[in-house]
């Protein structure tokens, strides 16, 4: 048995990624952000879908084509479609995320 809040890094450190489970077409990870944001002009454009849940803290995400950023607080989640360009504008110290990366297959 493990705990998602065990071993959180020092808030002054770099963003931390911990893989919790990996299977073909699926990866679950804990992400701990300590005030990090995407570099200016950088956009994530991932080939897989990503479902993220903020467990602790808060974060602001921007999506290409949307005029206002979205604030996610503890308990908020969002499903980001493959190739949906987005960026992290800000994170609280610390912000703990649960991220589920998955291959989206159309039926």
N, C-alpha and C. Protein backbone atom coordinates (compact mmCIF):
# COMPACT_ATOMS: atom_id res chain seq x y z
N UNK A 1 0.85 -1.18 0.00
CA UNK A 1 0.00 0.00 0.00
C UNK A 1 0.89 1.24 0.00
N UNK A 2 0.42 2.28 -0.69
CA UNK A 2 1.19 3.52 -0.79
C UNK A 2 0.25 4.70 -0.56
N UNK A 3 0.84 5.89 -0.39
CA UNK A 3 0.07 7.09 -0.13
C UNK A 3 0.52 8.18 -1.10
N UNK A 4 -0.43 8.83 -1.79
CA UNK A 4 -0.09 9.87 -2.76
C UNK A 4 0.58 11.08 -2.14
N UNK A 5 0.40 11.28 -0.83
CA UNK A 5 0.98 12.44 -0.18
C UNK A 5 2.30 12.13 0.52
N UNK A 6 2.74 10.88 0.45
CA UNK A 6 4.01 10.49 1.07
C UNK A 6 5.17 10.95 0.19
N UNK A 7 6.21 11.44 0.82
CA UNK A 7 7.43 11.80 0.09
C UNK A 7 7.30 13.03 -0.78
N UNK A 8 6.44 13.98 -0.38
CA UNK A 8 6.35 15.21 -1.17
C UNK A 8 7.67 15.95 -1.11
N UNK A 9 8.11 16.51 -2.24
CA UNK A 9 9.40 17.21 -2.25
C UNK A 9 9.32 18.54 -1.51
N UNK A 10 10.47 19.07 -1.18
CA UNK A 10 10.59 20.41 -0.60
C UNK A 10 9.96 21.40 -1.58
N UNK A 11 9.21 22.36 -1.06
CA UNK A 11 8.50 23.30 -1.92
C UNK A 11 9.43 24.14 -2.78
N UNK A 12 10.69 24.23 -2.44
CA UNK A 12 11.64 25.03 -3.22
C UNK A 12 12.23 24.23 -4.38
N UNK A 13 11.97 22.94 -4.43
CA UNK A 13 12.58 22.09 -5.45
C UNK A 13 11.89 22.18 -6.80
N UNK A 14 12.40 21.41 -7.73
CA UNK A 14 11.84 21.35 -9.08
C UNK A 14 10.56 20.51 -9.06
N UNK A 15 9.78 20.68 -10.10
CA UNK A 15 8.57 19.88 -10.25
C UNK A 15 8.95 18.41 -10.24
N UNK A 16 8.13 17.58 -9.59
CA UNK A 16 8.44 16.16 -9.43
C UNK A 16 7.36 15.30 -10.08
N UNK A 17 7.80 14.29 -10.83
CA UNK A 17 6.91 13.36 -11.49
C UNK A 17 7.20 11.97 -10.93
N UNK A 18 6.17 11.26 -10.48
CA UNK A 18 6.32 9.92 -9.94
C UNK A 18 5.32 9.01 -10.65
N UNK A 19 5.84 8.07 -11.44
CA UNK A 19 4.97 7.12 -12.13
C UNK A 19 4.41 6.13 -11.12
N UNK A 20 3.09 6.01 -11.09
CA UNK A 20 2.41 5.11 -10.15
C UNK A 20 2.01 3.79 -10.81
N UNK A 21 1.66 3.85 -12.09
CA UNK A 21 1.22 2.66 -12.81
C UNK A 21 1.41 2.89 -14.30
N UNK A 22 1.88 1.87 -14.99
CA UNK A 22 2.03 1.96 -16.44
C UNK A 22 1.59 0.66 -17.07
N UNK A 23 0.74 0.76 -18.06
CA UNK A 23 0.26 -0.37 -18.84
C UNK A 23 0.18 0.09 -20.29
N UNK A 24 0.12 -0.83 -21.25
CA UNK A 24 -0.02 -0.39 -22.64
C UNK A 24 -1.21 0.56 -22.80
N UNK A 25 -0.94 1.75 -23.30
CA UNK A 25 -1.98 2.74 -23.53
C UNK A 25 -2.43 3.51 -22.30
N UNK A 26 -1.75 3.30 -21.15
CA UNK A 26 -2.16 3.95 -19.90
C UNK A 26 -0.95 4.23 -19.02
N UNK A 27 -0.88 5.45 -18.48
CA UNK A 27 0.16 5.79 -17.50
C UNK A 27 -0.46 6.72 -16.47
N UNK A 28 -0.28 6.39 -15.20
CA UNK A 28 -0.80 7.20 -14.10
C UNK A 28 0.39 7.73 -13.33
N UNK A 29 0.38 9.04 -13.05
CA UNK A 29 1.50 9.62 -12.32
C UNK A 29 1.01 10.68 -11.33
N UNK A 30 1.81 10.86 -10.31
CA UNK A 30 1.62 11.97 -9.38
C UNK A 30 2.60 13.06 -9.81
N UNK A 31 2.09 14.28 -9.87
CA UNK A 31 2.92 15.43 -10.19
C UNK A 31 2.84 16.38 -9.01
N UNK A 32 3.98 16.86 -8.57
CA UNK A 32 4.02 17.86 -7.51
C UNK A 32 4.67 19.10 -8.08
N UNK A 33 3.89 20.18 -8.12
CA UNK A 33 4.37 21.47 -8.61
C UNK A 33 4.61 22.39 -7.43
N UNK A 34 5.63 23.18 -7.52
CA UNK A 34 6.00 24.10 -6.43
C UNK A 34 6.12 25.51 -6.99
N UNK A 35 5.03 25.99 -7.56
CA UNK A 35 5.05 27.33 -8.13
C UNK A 35 5.50 27.38 -9.58
N UNK A 36 5.71 26.24 -10.20
CA UNK A 36 6.18 26.23 -11.60
C UNK A 36 5.05 26.63 -12.55
N UNK A 37 5.45 27.06 -13.74
CA UNK A 37 4.55 27.39 -14.84
C UNK A 37 5.26 27.02 -16.14
N UNK A 38 4.49 26.93 -17.21
CA UNK A 38 5.09 26.66 -18.52
C UNK A 38 5.94 27.86 -18.93
N UNK A 39 7.04 27.61 -19.62
CA UNK A 39 7.87 28.73 -20.11
C UNK A 39 7.06 29.63 -21.06
N UNK A 40 7.40 30.89 -21.15
CA UNK A 40 6.69 31.80 -22.06
C UNK A 40 6.67 31.23 -23.49
N UNK A 41 5.50 31.24 -24.10
CA UNK A 41 5.37 30.77 -25.48
C UNK A 41 5.28 29.26 -25.65
N UNK A 42 5.47 28.49 -24.57
CA UNK A 42 5.44 27.03 -24.67
C UNK A 42 4.01 26.51 -24.53
N UNK A 43 3.64 25.55 -25.38
CA UNK A 43 2.34 24.90 -25.31
C UNK A 43 2.55 23.39 -25.30
N UNK A 44 1.87 22.70 -24.39
CA UNK A 44 1.83 21.23 -24.45
C UNK A 44 0.95 20.86 -25.63
N UNK A 45 1.39 19.86 -26.40
CA UNK A 45 0.63 19.33 -27.54
C UNK A 45 0.90 17.83 -27.55
N UNK A 46 0.19 17.11 -26.72
CA UNK A 46 0.48 15.70 -26.46
C UNK A 46 -0.34 14.79 -27.36
N UNK A 47 0.26 13.69 -27.84
CA UNK A 47 -0.47 12.76 -28.72
C UNK A 47 -1.50 11.91 -27.98
N UNK A 48 -1.40 11.83 -26.65
CA UNK A 48 -2.35 11.03 -25.88
C UNK A 48 -3.29 11.96 -25.10
N UNK A 49 -4.43 11.41 -24.65
CA UNK A 49 -5.32 12.15 -23.78
C UNK A 49 -4.73 12.23 -22.38
N UNK A 50 -5.15 13.24 -21.62
CA UNK A 50 -4.68 13.37 -20.24
C UNK A 50 -5.83 13.84 -19.37
N UNK A 51 -6.16 13.04 -18.37
CA UNK A 51 -7.16 13.41 -17.37
C UNK A 51 -6.38 13.81 -16.13
N UNK A 52 -6.59 15.02 -15.62
CA UNK A 52 -5.85 15.49 -14.44
C UNK A 52 -6.82 15.91 -13.35
N UNK A 53 -6.42 15.61 -12.12
CA UNK A 53 -7.17 15.94 -10.91
C UNK A 53 -6.23 16.67 -9.97
N UNK A 54 -6.65 17.84 -9.48
CA UNK A 54 -5.86 18.54 -8.48
C UNK A 54 -6.27 17.99 -7.12
N UNK A 55 -5.32 17.38 -6.44
CA UNK A 55 -5.57 16.80 -5.12
C UNK A 55 -5.35 17.81 -4.00
N UNK A 56 -4.39 18.70 -4.21
CA UNK A 56 -4.01 19.70 -3.20
C UNK A 56 -3.48 20.92 -3.93
N UNK A 57 -3.78 22.10 -3.43
CA UNK A 57 -3.29 23.33 -4.04
C UNK A 57 -4.22 23.81 -5.13
N UNK A 58 -3.67 24.54 -6.06
CA UNK A 58 -4.45 25.02 -7.20
C UNK A 58 -3.52 25.35 -8.35
N UNK A 59 -4.11 25.40 -9.55
CA UNK A 59 -3.34 25.69 -10.75
C UNK A 59 -4.23 26.43 -11.74
N UNK A 60 -3.60 27.22 -12.59
CA UNK A 60 -4.31 27.92 -13.65
C UNK A 60 -3.80 27.37 -14.98
N UNK A 61 -4.72 26.89 -15.82
CA UNK A 61 -4.39 26.35 -17.13
C UNK A 61 -5.00 27.23 -18.21
N UNK A 62 -4.26 27.42 -19.29
CA UNK A 62 -4.78 28.11 -20.47
C UNK A 62 -4.86 27.11 -21.60
N UNK A 63 -5.89 27.27 -22.43
CA UNK A 63 -6.07 26.43 -23.60
C UNK A 63 -6.09 27.32 -24.83
N UNK A 64 -5.38 26.90 -25.86
CA UNK A 64 -5.32 27.66 -27.10
C UNK A 64 -6.74 27.89 -27.61
N UNK A 65 -7.03 29.13 -27.98
CA UNK A 65 -8.34 29.46 -28.52
C UNK A 65 -9.35 29.90 -27.47
N UNK A 66 -9.00 29.80 -26.19
CA UNK A 66 -9.89 30.27 -25.12
C UNK A 66 -9.36 31.59 -24.60
N UNK A 67 -10.26 32.53 -24.35
CA UNK A 67 -9.83 33.87 -23.95
C UNK A 67 -9.43 33.97 -22.48
N UNK A 68 -9.96 33.08 -21.65
CA UNK A 68 -9.67 33.15 -20.21
C UNK A 68 -9.07 31.85 -19.71
N UNK A 69 -8.08 31.92 -18.81
CA UNK A 69 -7.53 30.71 -18.21
C UNK A 69 -8.54 30.07 -17.26
N UNK A 70 -8.33 28.80 -16.97
CA UNK A 70 -9.20 28.04 -16.07
C UNK A 70 -8.47 27.81 -14.76
N UNK A 71 -9.13 28.12 -13.66
CA UNK A 71 -8.58 27.88 -12.33
C UNK A 71 -9.07 26.53 -11.84
N UNK A 72 -8.13 25.66 -11.48
CA UNK A 72 -8.46 24.36 -10.90
C UNK A 72 -8.01 24.37 -9.44
N UNK A 73 -8.93 24.02 -8.56
CA UNK A 73 -8.64 23.92 -7.13
C UNK A 73 -8.75 22.47 -6.71
N UNK A 74 -8.36 22.18 -5.47
CA UNK A 74 -8.42 20.81 -4.96
C UNK A 74 -9.80 20.22 -5.23
N UNK A 75 -9.80 19.05 -5.86
CA UNK A 75 -11.03 18.36 -6.21
C UNK A 75 -11.47 18.57 -7.64
N UNK A 76 -10.94 19.60 -8.31
CA UNK A 76 -11.30 19.87 -9.71
C UNK A 76 -10.51 18.96 -10.64
N UNK A 77 -11.17 18.53 -11.70
CA UNK A 77 -10.49 17.69 -12.70
C UNK A 77 -10.92 18.12 -14.09
N UNK A 78 -10.10 17.73 -15.07
CA UNK A 78 -10.38 18.07 -16.47
C UNK A 78 -9.80 16.98 -17.36
N UNK A 79 -10.48 16.70 -18.44
CA UNK A 79 -10.01 15.74 -19.45
C UNK A 79 -9.50 16.54 -20.64
N UNK A 80 -8.23 16.38 -20.95
CA UNK A 80 -7.60 17.13 -22.03
C UNK A 80 -7.43 16.19 -23.23
N UNK A 81 -8.10 16.51 -24.31
CA UNK A 81 -8.06 15.67 -25.51
C UNK A 81 -6.66 15.66 -26.12
N UNK A 82 -6.33 14.59 -26.86
CA UNK A 82 -5.05 14.58 -27.56
C UNK A 82 -4.90 15.81 -28.46
N UNK A 83 -3.71 16.36 -28.47
CA UNK A 83 -3.35 17.53 -29.29
C UNK A 83 -4.14 18.79 -28.94
N UNK A 84 -4.76 18.83 -27.77
CA UNK A 84 -5.42 20.06 -27.29
C UNK A 84 -4.33 20.90 -26.65
N UNK A 85 -3.91 21.94 -27.35
CA UNK A 85 -2.78 22.76 -26.87
C UNK A 85 -3.17 23.50 -25.60
N UNK A 86 -2.30 23.35 -24.59
CA UNK A 86 -2.56 23.95 -23.29
C UNK A 86 -1.24 24.29 -22.62
N UNK A 87 -1.33 25.12 -21.59
CA UNK A 87 -0.14 25.50 -20.84
C UNK A 87 -0.53 25.74 -19.39
N UNK A 88 0.44 25.60 -18.50
CA UNK A 88 0.25 25.87 -17.08
C UNK A 88 0.69 27.31 -16.85
N UNK A 89 -0.25 28.16 -16.44
CA UNK A 89 0.05 29.56 -16.18
C UNK A 89 0.64 29.76 -14.79
N UNK A 90 0.13 29.00 -13.81
CA UNK A 90 0.62 29.14 -12.44
C UNK A 90 0.22 27.93 -11.62
N UNK A 91 0.98 27.70 -10.55
CA UNK A 91 0.63 26.67 -9.57
C UNK A 91 0.92 27.21 -8.18
N UNK A 92 0.13 26.75 -7.22
CA UNK A 92 0.38 27.09 -5.82
C UNK A 92 1.54 26.23 -5.32
N UNK A 93 2.03 26.54 -4.15
CA UNK A 93 3.13 25.77 -3.55
C UNK A 93 2.64 25.08 -2.30
N UNK A 94 2.56 23.77 -2.26
CA UNK A 94 2.67 22.86 -3.41
C UNK A 94 1.30 22.59 -4.03
N UNK A 95 1.33 22.11 -5.26
CA UNK A 95 0.13 21.59 -5.92
C UNK A 95 0.41 20.13 -6.23
N UNK A 96 -0.50 19.26 -5.81
CA UNK A 96 -0.36 17.82 -6.06
C UNK A 96 -1.44 17.43 -7.05
N UNK A 97 -1.00 16.85 -8.16
CA UNK A 97 -1.89 16.43 -9.24
C UNK A 97 -1.88 14.90 -9.35
N UNK A 98 -2.98 14.34 -9.82
CA UNK A 98 -3.02 12.96 -10.28
C UNK A 98 -3.30 13.05 -11.77
N UNK A 99 -2.39 12.53 -12.59
CA UNK A 99 -2.52 12.61 -14.04
C UNK A 99 -2.66 11.21 -14.62
N UNK A 100 -3.66 11.03 -15.46
CA UNK A 100 -3.88 9.76 -16.15
C UNK A 100 -3.71 10.03 -17.64
N UNK A 101 -2.64 9.49 -18.21
CA UNK A 101 -2.36 9.62 -19.64
C UNK A 101 -2.88 8.36 -20.32
N UNK A 102 -3.64 8.53 -21.41
CA UNK A 102 -4.25 7.36 -22.03
C UNK A 102 -4.32 7.55 -23.54
N UNK A 103 -4.28 6.42 -24.23
CA UNK A 103 -4.49 6.44 -25.68
C UNK A 103 -5.98 6.50 -25.91
N UNK A 104 -6.42 7.45 -26.68
CA UNK A 104 -7.84 7.58 -26.98
C UNK A 104 -8.11 6.79 -28.26
N UNK A 105 -8.91 5.80 -28.12
CA UNK A 105 -9.28 4.97 -29.28
C UNK A 105 -10.76 5.22 -29.59
N UNK A 106 -11.03 5.51 -30.84
CA UNK A 106 -12.42 5.71 -31.27
C UNK A 106 -13.03 4.36 -31.58
N UNK A 107 -14.29 4.17 -31.14
CA UNK A 107 -14.96 2.89 -31.44
C UNK A 107 -15.91 3.02 -32.59
